[in-house]
Amino acid sequence: MSTPSTALMQGWLTGAGLIVAIGAQNALVLRQGLMRQHVAPVVAVCALSDMLLIWLGVFGLGRLIAASPLLMEVFRWGGAAFLLAYAVKAGLRALSPKAGLQAQAGTASLGAVMGSTLAMTYLNPHVYLDTVVLLGTVGAQQPAGLQLPFAIGASVSSWMWFSLLGFGAAAVAGPLRRPAVWRSIDALIALVMVVLGLQLILRPLA
């Protein structure tokens, strides 16, 4: 028989299983952590946004989106264009001999970083699929009274992961000062974005 504690744990495990996979949002948090630049605001925006979308999904929005072929196609093509454009930007940094030194300098303003974080969160269809549609559908199927602990568990996993990714990367940023390392990181980010973008183009969202 399900209990609030088992629903809480199921929410945590489901959220952790979805969020830990390498994705566009995680790549952005990792890069900011390695740069030691505006880490706390980036982590907070990502975790709070995940919480908002999880709770919207659990309490009804997930089923509405999944039932609309038009919305799913908008997420598909708009998201693919956004991810591929970000891939080009990261790829150009990876090819620049000075990319690593520029990354170390950490001169981007808080507003610019927050803009990128919000765009990567709310223009990224995978965020909606993971939080609103997938987590929301599982959470909405919980017995009466257990949807709330499920949503709390999933939200806690999000806070834990983004904090570990951002602040953990900041803690080991010192040894990663070589430009070649930064170019490798940007090359990996570009590869991730290309793969995600092509996945959206080549197969329908479901």
N, C-alpha and C. Protein backbone atom coordinates (compact mmCIF):
# COMPACT_ATOMS: atom_id res chain seq x y z
N MET A 1 0.85 -1.20 0.00
CA MET A 1 0.00 0.00 0.00
C MET A 1 0.88 1.25 0.00
N SER A 2 0.55 2.20 -0.86
CA SER A 2 1.34 3.41 -0.95
C SER A 2 1.13 4.29 0.27
N THR A 3 2.20 4.93 0.70
CA THR A 3 2.17 5.85 1.82
C THR A 3 2.84 7.15 1.39
N PRO A 4 2.67 8.23 2.17
CA PRO A 4 3.35 9.48 1.81
C PRO A 4 4.87 9.30 1.68
N SER A 5 5.47 8.49 2.54
CA SER A 5 6.93 8.31 2.48
C SER A 5 7.35 7.56 1.22
N THR A 6 6.57 6.54 0.81
CA THR A 6 6.91 5.82 -0.42
C THR A 6 6.68 6.70 -1.65
N ALA A 7 5.63 7.53 -1.62
CA ALA A 7 5.39 8.46 -2.73
C ALA A 7 6.51 9.49 -2.83
N LEU A 8 6.98 9.96 -1.67
CA LEU A 8 8.10 10.91 -1.63
C LEU A 8 9.34 10.29 -2.24
N MET A 9 9.64 9.04 -1.87
CA MET A 9 10.82 8.36 -2.40
C MET A 9 10.66 8.07 -3.90
N GLN A 10 9.47 7.68 -4.31
CA GLN A 10 9.25 7.45 -5.73
C GLN A 10 9.45 8.73 -6.53
N GLY A 11 8.95 9.84 -6.00
CA GLY A 11 9.16 11.11 -6.68
C GLY A 11 10.63 11.46 -6.77
N TRP A 12 11.37 11.23 -5.69
CA TRP A 12 12.81 11.52 -5.69
C TRP A 12 13.54 10.66 -6.71
N LEU A 13 13.25 9.36 -6.72
CA LEU A 13 13.94 8.44 -7.63
C LEU A 13 13.59 8.74 -9.08
N THR A 14 12.32 9.01 -9.35
CA THR A 14 11.91 9.32 -10.72
C THR A 14 12.55 10.62 -11.20
N GLY A 15 12.54 11.63 -10.34
CA GLY A 15 13.15 12.89 -10.70
C GLY A 15 14.65 12.76 -10.92
N ALA A 16 15.31 12.02 -10.04
CA ALA A 16 16.76 11.83 -10.18
C ALA A 16 17.09 11.08 -11.45
N GLY A 17 16.29 10.07 -11.78
CA GLY A 17 16.56 9.28 -12.97
C GLY A 17 16.46 10.09 -14.25
N LEU A 18 15.57 11.08 -14.25
CA LEU A 18 15.40 11.91 -15.44
C LEU A 18 16.41 13.05 -15.52
N ILE A 19 16.69 13.67 -14.39
CA ILE A 19 17.48 14.90 -14.41
C ILE A 19 18.98 14.66 -14.54
N VAL A 20 19.47 13.48 -14.09
CA VAL A 20 20.91 13.24 -14.09
C VAL A 20 21.44 13.03 -15.50
N ALA A 21 20.59 12.62 -16.45
CA ALA A 21 21.06 12.42 -17.81
C ALA A 21 21.64 13.73 -18.36
N ILE A 22 22.74 13.61 -19.13
CA ILE A 22 23.40 14.79 -19.69
C ILE A 22 22.44 15.49 -20.64
N GLY A 23 22.24 16.77 -20.43
CA GLY A 23 21.34 17.53 -21.28
C GLY A 23 21.79 18.96 -21.38
N ALA A 24 21.02 19.75 -22.12
CA ALA A 24 21.41 21.14 -22.37
C ALA A 24 21.47 21.95 -21.09
N GLN A 25 20.48 21.79 -20.23
CA GLN A 25 20.43 22.55 -18.98
C GLN A 25 21.59 22.17 -18.06
N ASN A 26 21.84 20.87 -17.95
CA ASN A 26 22.95 20.42 -17.11
C ASN A 26 24.29 20.93 -17.63
N ALA A 27 24.44 20.94 -18.96
CA ALA A 27 25.70 21.43 -19.55
C ALA A 27 25.93 22.89 -19.20
N LEU A 28 24.86 23.69 -19.22
CA LEU A 28 25.00 25.10 -18.88
C LEU A 28 25.40 25.27 -17.42
N VAL A 29 24.75 24.54 -16.52
CA VAL A 29 25.08 24.64 -15.09
C VAL A 29 26.52 24.21 -14.86
N LEU A 30 26.94 23.14 -15.52
CA LEU A 30 28.32 22.65 -15.38
C LEU A 30 29.32 23.70 -15.82
N ARG A 31 29.05 24.33 -16.94
CA ARG A 31 29.99 25.34 -17.45
C ARG A 31 30.08 26.53 -16.51
N GLN A 32 28.93 26.99 -16.00
CA GLN A 32 28.98 28.11 -15.06
C GLN A 32 29.70 27.73 -13.78
N GLY A 33 29.51 26.49 -13.34
CA GLY A 33 30.22 26.04 -12.15
C GLY A 33 31.72 26.02 -12.35
N LEU A 34 32.16 25.54 -13.49
CA LEU A 34 33.58 25.50 -13.79
C LEU A 34 34.17 26.90 -13.92
N MET A 35 33.35 27.84 -14.37
CA MET A 35 33.81 29.22 -14.48
C MET A 35 33.74 29.95 -13.14
N ARG A 36 33.07 29.33 -12.15
CA ARG A 36 32.85 29.97 -10.84
C ARG A 36 32.15 31.32 -11.02
N GLN A 37 31.17 31.35 -11.88
CA GLN A 37 30.52 32.61 -12.25
C GLN A 37 29.01 32.50 -12.03
N HIS A 38 28.49 33.30 -11.08
CA HIS A 38 27.04 33.35 -10.82
C HIS A 38 26.45 31.96 -10.58
N VAL A 39 27.19 31.12 -9.86
CA VAL A 39 26.76 29.73 -9.67
C VAL A 39 25.45 29.65 -8.89
N ALA A 40 25.38 30.35 -7.76
CA ALA A 40 24.18 30.28 -6.92
C ALA A 40 22.92 30.72 -7.66
N PRO A 41 22.93 31.87 -8.38
CA PRO A 41 21.72 32.25 -9.11
C PRO A 41 21.34 31.24 -10.19
N VAL A 42 22.32 30.69 -10.88
CA VAL A 42 22.03 29.71 -11.94
C VAL A 42 21.40 28.46 -11.34
N VAL A 43 21.99 27.96 -10.26
CA VAL A 43 21.44 26.77 -9.59
C VAL A 43 20.02 27.05 -9.11
N ALA A 44 19.82 28.21 -8.50
CA ALA A 44 18.50 28.55 -7.96
C ALA A 44 17.45 28.66 -9.07
N VAL A 45 17.80 29.32 -10.19
CA VAL A 45 16.85 29.46 -11.29
C VAL A 45 16.47 28.10 -11.87
N CYS A 46 17.47 27.23 -12.08
CA CYS A 46 17.20 25.91 -12.65
C CYS A 46 16.34 25.07 -11.71
N ALA A 47 16.69 25.06 -10.43
CA ALA A 47 15.95 24.23 -9.47
C ALA A 47 14.54 24.76 -9.25
N LEU A 48 14.40 26.08 -9.11
CA LEU A 48 13.06 26.66 -8.93
C LEU A 48 12.20 26.43 -10.17
N SER A 49 12.80 26.55 -11.35
CA SER A 49 12.04 26.32 -12.59
C SER A 49 11.59 24.87 -12.67
N ASP A 50 12.49 23.95 -12.32
CA ASP A 50 12.11 22.54 -12.30
C ASP A 50 10.95 22.30 -11.33
N MET A 51 11.03 22.91 -10.15
CA MET A 51 9.95 22.78 -9.18
C MET A 51 8.63 23.25 -9.76
N LEU A 52 8.65 24.43 -10.37
CA LEU A 52 7.43 24.98 -10.94
C LEU A 52 6.83 24.05 -11.99
N LEU A 53 7.69 23.56 -12.90
CA LEU A 53 7.20 22.71 -13.98
C LEU A 53 6.76 21.35 -13.47
N ILE A 54 7.46 20.81 -12.46
CA ILE A 54 7.06 19.53 -11.87
C ILE A 54 5.67 19.65 -11.26
N TRP A 55 5.47 20.70 -10.48
CA TRP A 55 4.19 20.85 -9.80
C TRP A 55 3.06 21.11 -10.79
N LEU A 56 3.33 21.89 -11.85
CA LEU A 56 2.32 22.09 -12.89
C LEU A 56 1.97 20.77 -13.55
N GLY A 57 2.99 19.96 -13.82
CA GLY A 57 2.75 18.67 -14.46
C GLY A 57 1.98 17.71 -13.59
N VAL A 58 2.40 17.59 -12.34
CA VAL A 58 1.74 16.65 -11.42
C VAL A 58 0.27 17.01 -11.23
N PHE A 59 -0.02 18.29 -11.20
CA PHE A 59 -1.39 18.71 -10.92
C PHE A 59 -2.18 19.07 -12.17
N GLY A 60 -1.80 18.45 -13.34
CA GLY A 60 -2.70 18.49 -14.48
C GLY A 60 -2.16 18.93 -15.83
N LEU A 61 -1.11 19.79 -15.87
CA LEU A 61 -0.68 20.35 -17.15
C LEU A 61 -0.02 19.30 -18.05
N GLY A 62 0.63 18.32 -17.45
CA GLY A 62 1.34 17.31 -18.24
C GLY A 62 0.42 16.58 -19.20
N ARG A 63 -0.74 16.17 -18.72
CA ARG A 63 -1.67 15.43 -19.58
C ARG A 63 -2.21 16.32 -20.69
N LEU A 64 -2.42 17.59 -20.42
CA LEU A 64 -2.93 18.50 -21.44
C LEU A 64 -1.93 18.67 -22.58
N ILE A 65 -0.64 18.84 -22.24
CA ILE A 65 0.39 19.01 -23.26
C ILE A 65 0.53 17.74 -24.09
N ALA A 66 0.61 16.59 -23.41
CA ALA A 66 0.79 15.32 -24.12
C ALA A 66 -0.38 15.03 -25.06
N ALA A 67 -1.55 15.57 -24.76
CA ALA A 67 -2.73 15.32 -25.58
C ALA A 67 -2.84 16.28 -26.77
N SER A 68 -1.91 17.24 -26.90
CA SER A 68 -1.97 18.22 -27.98
C SER A 68 -0.85 17.99 -28.99
N PRO A 69 -1.14 17.38 -30.13
CA PRO A 69 -0.10 17.18 -31.15
C PRO A 69 0.54 18.49 -31.61
N LEU A 70 -0.24 19.57 -31.66
CA LEU A 70 0.32 20.85 -32.10
C LEU A 70 1.38 21.35 -31.13
N LEU A 71 1.09 21.32 -29.83
CA LEU A 71 2.07 21.76 -28.84
C LEU A 71 3.33 20.90 -28.89
N MET A 72 3.16 19.60 -29.06
CA MET A 72 4.32 18.72 -29.11
C MET A 72 5.19 19.03 -30.32
N GLU A 73 4.57 19.39 -31.45
CA GLU A 73 5.34 19.76 -32.63
C GLU A 73 6.05 21.10 -32.46
N VAL A 74 5.40 22.04 -31.77
CA VAL A 74 6.05 23.32 -31.48
C VAL A 74 7.29 23.10 -30.63
N PHE A 75 7.19 22.27 -29.59
CA PHE A 75 8.33 21.96 -28.75
C PHE A 75 9.42 21.28 -29.58
N ARG A 76 9.00 20.43 -30.50
CA ARG A 76 9.96 19.66 -31.29
C ARG A 76 10.82 20.56 -32.18
N TRP A 77 10.19 21.34 -33.04
CA TRP A 77 10.93 22.12 -34.03
C TRP A 77 11.56 23.37 -33.43
N GLY A 78 10.84 24.04 -32.56
CA GLY A 78 11.42 25.21 -31.90
C GLY A 78 12.60 24.83 -31.03
N GLY A 79 12.46 23.74 -30.30
CA GLY A 79 13.55 23.28 -29.45
C GLY A 79 14.76 22.85 -30.25
N ALA A 80 14.53 22.16 -31.37
CA ALA A 80 15.64 21.72 -32.20
C ALA A 80 16.44 22.91 -32.73
N ALA A 81 15.74 23.94 -33.19
CA ALA A 81 16.42 25.13 -33.71
C ALA A 81 17.25 25.80 -32.62
N PHE A 82 16.68 25.90 -31.43
CA PHE A 82 17.39 26.54 -30.32
C PHE A 82 18.63 25.75 -29.93
N LEU A 83 18.50 24.44 -29.81
CA LEU A 83 19.63 23.61 -29.40
C LEU A 83 20.74 23.62 -30.44
N LEU A 84 20.40 23.58 -31.71
CA LEU A 84 21.43 23.59 -32.74
C LEU A 84 22.14 24.94 -32.80
N ALA A 85 21.40 26.02 -32.57
CA ALA A 85 22.05 27.34 -32.53
C ALA A 85 23.02 27.43 -31.36
N TYR A 86 22.64 26.89 -30.21
CA TYR A 86 23.54 26.88 -29.05
C TYR A 86 24.76 26.00 -29.34
N ALA A 87 24.55 24.91 -30.08
CA ALA A 87 25.67 24.02 -30.44
C ALA A 87 26.69 24.74 -31.30
N VAL A 88 26.21 25.56 -32.24
CA VAL A 88 27.13 26.33 -33.07
C VAL A 88 27.94 27.31 -32.22
N LYS A 89 27.29 27.96 -31.29
CA LYS A 89 27.97 28.91 -30.42
C LYS A 89 29.06 28.22 -29.59
N ALA A 90 28.73 27.06 -29.01
CA ALA A 90 29.71 26.32 -28.21
C ALA A 90 30.82 25.78 -29.10
N GLY A 91 30.47 25.36 -30.32
CA GLY A 91 31.49 24.85 -31.23
C GLY A 91 32.48 25.92 -31.64
N LEU A 92 32.01 27.14 -31.85
CA LEU A 92 32.92 28.23 -32.18
C LEU A 92 33.87 28.53 -31.02
N ARG A 93 33.36 28.45 -29.79
CA ARG A 93 34.24 28.64 -28.63
C ARG A 93 35.30 27.54 -28.58
N ALA A 94 34.89 26.31 -28.91
CA ALA A 94 35.82 25.19 -28.85
C ALA A 94 36.94 25.34 -29.89
N LEU A 95 36.65 26.00 -31.00
CA LEU A 95 37.65 26.17 -32.06
C LEU A 95 38.53 27.38 -31.84
N SER A 96 38.19 28.23 -30.90
CA SER A 96 38.97 29.45 -30.67
C SER A 96 40.15 29.17 -29.73
N PRO A 97 41.37 29.52 -30.13
CA PRO A 97 42.52 29.30 -29.26
C PRO A 97 42.43 30.05 -27.93
N LYS A 98 41.67 31.13 -27.89
CA LYS A 98 41.57 31.94 -26.68
C LYS A 98 40.31 31.62 -25.86
N ALA A 99 39.57 30.60 -26.27
CA ALA A 99 38.29 30.33 -25.60
C ALA A 99 38.46 30.04 -24.12
N GLY A 100 39.48 29.24 -23.80
CA GLY A 100 39.68 28.89 -22.40
C GLY A 100 40.01 30.10 -21.55
N LEU A 101 40.86 30.98 -22.07
CA LEU A 101 41.24 32.17 -21.31
C LEU A 101 40.05 33.09 -21.13
N GLN A 102 39.19 33.20 -22.14
CA GLN A 102 38.00 34.02 -22.02
C GLN A 102 37.04 33.44 -20.99
N ALA A 103 36.95 32.11 -20.96
CA ALA A 103 36.06 31.47 -19.99
C ALA A 103 36.53 31.71 -18.58
N GLN A 104 37.87 31.66 -18.38
CA GLN A 104 38.40 31.89 -17.04
C GLN A 104 38.09 33.29 -16.53
N ALA A 105 38.07 34.23 -17.45
CA ALA A 105 37.91 35.61 -17.02
C ALA A 105 36.56 35.87 -16.37
N GLY A 106 35.54 35.16 -16.80
CA GLY A 106 34.23 35.27 -16.16
C GLY A 106 33.66 36.67 -16.21
N THR A 107 33.64 37.28 -17.41
CA THR A 107 33.22 38.66 -17.51
C THR A 107 31.73 38.83 -17.84
N ALA A 108 31.04 37.75 -18.14
CA ALA A 108 29.62 37.87 -18.49
C ALA A 108 28.83 38.43 -17.31
N SER A 109 27.90 39.33 -17.62
CA SER A 109 27.11 39.94 -16.56
C SER A 109 26.09 38.96 -16.02
N LEU A 110 25.59 39.27 -14.82
CA LEU A 110 24.56 38.42 -14.21
C LEU A 110 23.32 38.39 -15.10
N GLY A 111 22.95 39.53 -15.68
CA GLY A 111 21.78 39.57 -16.55
C GLY A 111 21.92 38.67 -17.76
N ALA A 112 23.11 38.69 -18.37
CA ALA A 112 23.34 37.85 -19.56
C ALA A 112 23.29 36.37 -19.20
N VAL A 113 23.89 36.02 -18.06
CA VAL A 113 23.90 34.62 -17.63
C VAL A 113 22.48 34.16 -17.29
N MET A 114 21.73 35.01 -16.59
CA MET A 114 20.35 34.66 -16.25
C MET A 114 19.50 34.52 -17.50
N GLY A 115 19.75 35.37 -18.50
CA GLY A 115 19.01 35.26 -19.75
C GLY A 115 19.27 33.93 -20.43
N SER A 116 20.54 33.52 -20.47
CA SER A 116 20.88 32.23 -21.07
C SER A 116 20.27 31.08 -20.29
N THR A 117 20.29 31.19 -18.95
CA THR A 117 19.74 30.13 -18.11
C THR A 117 18.24 30.00 -18.31
N LEU A 118 17.54 31.11 -18.33
CA LEU A 118 16.09 31.07 -18.54
C LEU A 118 15.74 30.54 -19.92
N ALA A 119 16.51 30.96 -20.93
CA ALA A 119 16.26 30.47 -22.29
C ALA A 119 16.51 28.97 -22.38
N MET A 120 17.62 28.51 -21.80
CA MET A 120 17.94 27.08 -21.85
C MET A 120 16.91 26.26 -21.09
N THR A 121 16.27 26.87 -20.12
CA THR A 121 15.25 26.15 -19.34
C THR A 121 13.91 26.15 -20.04
N TYR A 122 13.41 27.34 -20.40
CA TYR A 122 12.03 27.43 -20.88
C TYR A 122 11.88 27.29 -22.38
N LEU A 123 13.00 27.33 -23.14
CA LEU A 123 12.92 27.09 -24.58
C LEU A 123 13.42 25.69 -24.93
N ASN A 124 13.73 24.90 -23.93
CA ASN A 124 14.26 23.56 -24.13
C ASN A 124 13.14 22.54 -23.97
N PRO A 125 12.74 21.87 -25.05
CA PRO A 125 11.61 20.94 -24.96
C PRO A 125 11.88 19.76 -24.04
N HIS A 126 13.15 19.38 -23.88
CA HIS A 126 13.44 18.24 -23.00
C HIS A 126 13.10 18.56 -21.55
N VAL A 127 13.21 19.82 -21.16
CA VAL A 127 12.83 20.20 -19.81
C VAL A 127 11.34 19.94 -19.59
N TYR A 128 10.52 20.33 -20.59
CA TYR A 128 9.08 20.11 -20.47
C TYR A 128 8.74 18.62 -20.51
N LEU A 129 9.43 17.87 -21.37
CA LEU A 129 9.16 16.44 -21.45
C LEU A 129 9.49 15.74 -20.14
N ASP A 130 10.64 16.09 -19.56
CA ASP A 130 11.06 15.43 -18.32
C ASP A 130 10.20 15.83 -17.14
N THR A 131 9.95 17.13 -17.00
CA THR A 131 9.28 17.61 -15.79
C THR A 131 7.76 17.61 -15.92
N VAL A 132 7.25 18.30 -16.95
CA VAL A 132 5.80 18.46 -17.06
C VAL A 132 5.14 17.17 -17.54
N VAL A 133 5.66 16.59 -18.63
CA VAL A 133 4.97 15.46 -19.24
C VAL A 133 5.27 14.15 -18.51
N LEU A 134 6.56 13.76 -18.41
CA LEU A 134 6.89 12.46 -17.82
C LEU A 134 6.66 12.44 -16.32
N LEU A 135 7.34 13.34 -15.58
CA LEU A 135 7.13 13.39 -14.13
C LEU A 135 5.68 13.74 -13.80
N GLY A 136 5.11 14.66 -14.56
CA GLY A 136 3.73 15.06 -14.30
C GLY A 136 2.75 13.91 -14.46
N THR A 137 2.95 13.11 -15.50
CA THR A 137 2.06 11.97 -15.72
C THR A 137 2.17 10.94 -14.62
N VAL A 138 3.41 10.62 -14.22
CA VAL A 138 3.60 9.65 -13.13
C VAL A 138 3.02 10.19 -11.83
N GLY A 139 3.26 11.46 -11.56
CA GLY A 139 2.75 12.05 -10.33
C GLY A 139 1.24 12.14 -10.30
N ALA A 140 0.64 12.45 -11.45
CA ALA A 140 -0.82 12.57 -11.51
C ALA A 140 -1.51 11.23 -11.29
N GLN A 141 -0.78 10.14 -11.53
CA GLN A 141 -1.35 8.81 -11.35
C GLN A 141 -1.25 8.31 -9.91
N GLN A 142 -0.64 9.09 -9.05
CA GLN A 142 -0.55 8.69 -7.64
C GLN A 142 -1.94 8.71 -7.01
N PRO A 143 -2.17 7.85 -6.01
CA PRO A 143 -3.47 7.86 -5.31
C PRO A 143 -3.75 9.22 -4.67
N ALA A 144 -5.01 9.45 -4.40
CA ALA A 144 -5.41 10.72 -3.78
C ALA A 144 -4.64 10.96 -2.50
N GLY A 145 -4.11 12.17 -2.36
CA GLY A 145 -3.35 12.53 -1.17
C GLY A 145 -1.87 12.28 -1.27
N LEU A 146 -1.42 11.57 -2.33
CA LEU A 146 0.00 11.24 -2.46
C LEU A 146 0.68 12.01 -3.59
N GLN A 147 -0.08 12.82 -4.30
CA GLN A 147 0.54 13.62 -5.35
C GLN A 147 1.49 14.67 -4.78
N LEU A 148 1.11 15.27 -3.66
CA LEU A 148 1.95 16.29 -3.04
C LEU A 148 3.30 15.74 -2.61
N PRO A 149 3.38 14.63 -1.83
CA PRO A 149 4.69 14.11 -1.46
C PRO A 149 5.51 13.67 -2.68
N PHE A 150 4.85 13.16 -3.73
CA PHE A 150 5.58 12.81 -4.95
C PHE A 150 6.24 14.04 -5.54
N ALA A 151 5.47 15.14 -5.64
CA ALA A 151 6.01 16.38 -6.21
C ALA A 151 7.15 16.92 -5.35
N ILE A 152 7.02 16.81 -4.04
CA ILE A 152 8.08 17.27 -3.14
C ILE A 152 9.34 16.45 -3.34
N GLY A 153 9.19 15.13 -3.43
CA GLY A 153 10.36 14.27 -3.63
C GLY A 153 11.08 14.58 -4.93
N ALA A 154 10.32 14.77 -6.01
CA ALA A 154 10.93 15.10 -7.29
C ALA A 154 11.64 16.46 -7.23
N SER A 155 11.04 17.41 -6.54
CA SER A 155 11.65 18.74 -6.41
C SER A 155 12.94 18.69 -5.61
N VAL A 156 12.96 17.88 -4.55
CA VAL A 156 14.18 17.74 -3.74
C VAL A 156 15.32 17.17 -4.57
N SER A 157 15.02 16.18 -5.40
CA SER A 157 16.07 15.59 -6.25
C SER A 157 16.63 16.64 -7.20
N SER A 158 15.78 17.53 -7.69
CA SER A 158 16.24 18.58 -8.59
C SER A 158 17.19 19.54 -7.88
N TRP A 159 16.81 19.99 -6.68
CA TRP A 159 17.67 20.88 -5.91
C TRP A 159 19.01 20.22 -5.60
N MET A 160 18.99 18.95 -5.22
CA MET A 160 20.22 18.24 -4.88
C MET A 160 21.14 18.13 -6.09
N TRP A 161 20.57 17.78 -7.25
CA TRP A 161 21.40 17.58 -8.43
C TRP A 161 22.02 18.87 -8.93
N PHE A 162 21.22 19.92 -9.07
CA PHE A 162 21.77 21.17 -9.57
C PHE A 162 22.80 21.76 -8.61
N SER A 163 22.57 21.61 -7.32
CA SER A 163 23.56 22.09 -6.34
C SER A 163 24.86 21.32 -6.46
N LEU A 164 24.76 20.00 -6.59
CA LEU A 164 25.96 19.17 -6.74
C LEU A 164 26.70 19.52 -8.02
N LEU A 165 25.95 19.68 -9.10
CA LEU A 165 26.57 19.97 -10.40
C LEU A 165 27.25 21.33 -10.41
N GLY A 166 26.54 22.36 -9.94
CA GLY A 166 27.10 23.70 -9.98
C GLY A 166 28.22 23.93 -8.99
N PHE A 167 27.96 23.65 -7.71
CA PHE A 167 28.96 23.92 -6.68
C PHE A 167 30.07 22.88 -6.70
N GLY A 168 29.74 21.64 -7.11
CA GLY A 168 30.78 20.62 -7.24
C GLY A 168 31.77 20.98 -8.33
N ALA A 169 31.26 21.47 -9.46
CA ALA A 169 32.14 21.89 -10.54
C ALA A 169 32.99 23.08 -10.12
N ALA A 170 32.40 24.02 -9.37
CA ALA A 170 33.16 25.18 -8.90
C ALA A 170 34.30 24.75 -7.99
N ALA A 171 34.08 23.69 -7.21
CA ALA A 171 35.10 23.24 -6.27
C ALA A 171 36.32 22.66 -6.98
N VAL A 172 36.13 22.10 -8.19
CA VAL A 172 37.27 21.49 -8.90
C VAL A 172 37.71 22.35 -10.09
N ALA A 173 37.24 23.59 -10.15
CA ALA A 173 37.57 24.43 -11.30
C ALA A 173 39.05 24.81 -11.34
N GLY A 174 39.70 24.85 -10.19
CA GLY A 174 41.10 25.26 -10.14
C GLY A 174 42.02 24.49 -11.07
N PRO A 175 41.99 23.15 -11.02
CA PRO A 175 42.89 22.37 -11.89
C PRO A 175 42.53 22.44 -13.37
N LEU A 176 41.40 23.04 -13.71
CA LEU A 176 40.95 23.04 -15.10
C LEU A 176 41.17 24.38 -15.77
N ARG A 177 42.30 25.00 -15.53
CA ARG A 177 42.54 26.34 -16.05
C ARG A 177 43.13 26.34 -17.46
N ARG A 178 43.56 25.20 -17.94
CA ARG A 178 44.20 25.17 -19.26
C ARG A 178 43.17 25.43 -20.36
N PRO A 179 43.52 26.26 -21.35
CA PRO A 179 42.58 26.54 -22.45
C PRO A 179 42.11 25.28 -23.16
N ALA A 180 43.00 24.28 -23.29
CA ALA A 180 42.62 23.04 -23.99
C ALA A 180 41.47 22.34 -23.27
N VAL A 181 41.46 22.40 -21.94
CA VAL A 181 40.38 21.77 -21.17
C VAL A 181 39.07 22.48 -21.44
N TRP A 182 39.12 23.82 -21.45
CA TRP A 182 37.89 24.59 -21.70
C TRP A 182 37.36 24.32 -23.10
N ARG A 183 38.27 24.21 -24.09
CA ARG A 183 37.81 23.92 -25.44
C ARG A 183 37.19 22.53 -25.52
N SER A 184 37.75 21.59 -24.77
CA SER A 184 37.18 20.24 -24.74
C SER A 184 35.78 20.25 -24.13
N ILE A 185 35.61 21.03 -23.06
CA ILE A 185 34.30 21.13 -22.43
C ILE A 185 33.28 21.72 -23.40
N ASP A 186 33.67 22.80 -24.09
CA ASP A 186 32.76 23.41 -25.06
C ASP A 186 32.47 22.46 -26.22
N ALA A 187 33.47 21.68 -26.64
CA ALA A 187 33.24 20.71 -27.71
C ALA A 187 32.23 19.65 -27.27
N LEU A 188 32.34 19.21 -26.01
CA LEU A 188 31.39 18.23 -25.49
C LEU A 188 29.98 18.82 -25.42
N ILE A 189 29.89 20.07 -24.96
CA ILE A 189 28.59 20.74 -24.90
C ILE A 189 27.99 20.85 -26.30
N ALA A 190 28.81 21.23 -27.29
CA ALA A 190 28.31 21.34 -28.66
C ALA A 190 27.81 20.00 -29.17
N LEU A 191 28.54 18.93 -28.85
CA LEU A 191 28.14 17.59 -29.28
C LEU A 191 26.80 17.20 -28.66
N VAL A 192 26.65 17.48 -27.36
CA VAL A 192 25.39 17.16 -26.68
C VAL A 192 24.23 17.90 -27.32
N MET A 193 24.42 19.19 -27.60
CA MET A 193 23.35 19.99 -28.20
C MET A 193 22.98 19.47 -29.59
N VAL A 194 23.99 19.10 -30.38
CA VAL A 194 23.72 18.58 -31.72
C VAL A 194 22.92 17.28 -31.64
N VAL A 195 23.33 16.39 -30.76
CA VAL A 195 22.63 15.12 -30.61
C VAL A 195 21.18 15.34 -30.20
N LEU A 196 20.97 16.21 -29.21
CA LEU A 196 19.60 16.48 -28.75
C LEU A 196 18.77 17.13 -29.85
N GLY A 197 19.37 18.09 -30.56
CA GLY A 197 18.65 18.75 -31.64
C GLY A 197 18.27 17.79 -32.75
N LEU A 198 19.20 16.91 -33.16
CA LEU A 198 18.91 15.95 -34.22
C LEU A 198 17.88 14.92 -33.78
N GLN A 199 17.91 14.55 -32.50
CA GLN A 199 16.89 13.63 -32.00
C GLN A 199 15.49 14.22 -32.16
N LEU A 200 15.37 15.51 -31.90
CA LEU A 200 14.07 16.16 -32.03
C LEU A 200 13.63 16.22 -33.49
N ILE A 201 14.59 16.43 -34.40
CA ILE A 201 14.25 16.53 -35.82
C ILE A 201 13.87 15.16 -36.39
N LEU A 202 14.60 14.13 -35.98
CA LEU A 202 14.46 12.82 -36.61
C LEU A 202 13.33 11.97 -36.08
N ARG A 203 12.81 12.31 -34.89
CA ARG A 203 11.71 11.51 -34.37
C ARG A 203 10.73 12.40 -33.60
N PRO A 204 9.45 12.08 -33.71
CA PRO A 204 8.43 12.88 -33.01
C PRO A 204 8.58 12.78 -31.51
N LEU A 205 8.14 13.81 -30.80
CA LEU A 205 8.11 13.76 -29.35
C LEU A 205 6.99 12.84 -28.91
N ALA A 206 7.27 12.10 -27.84
CA ALA A 206 6.25 11.18 -27.30
C ALA A 206 6.50 10.97 -25.84
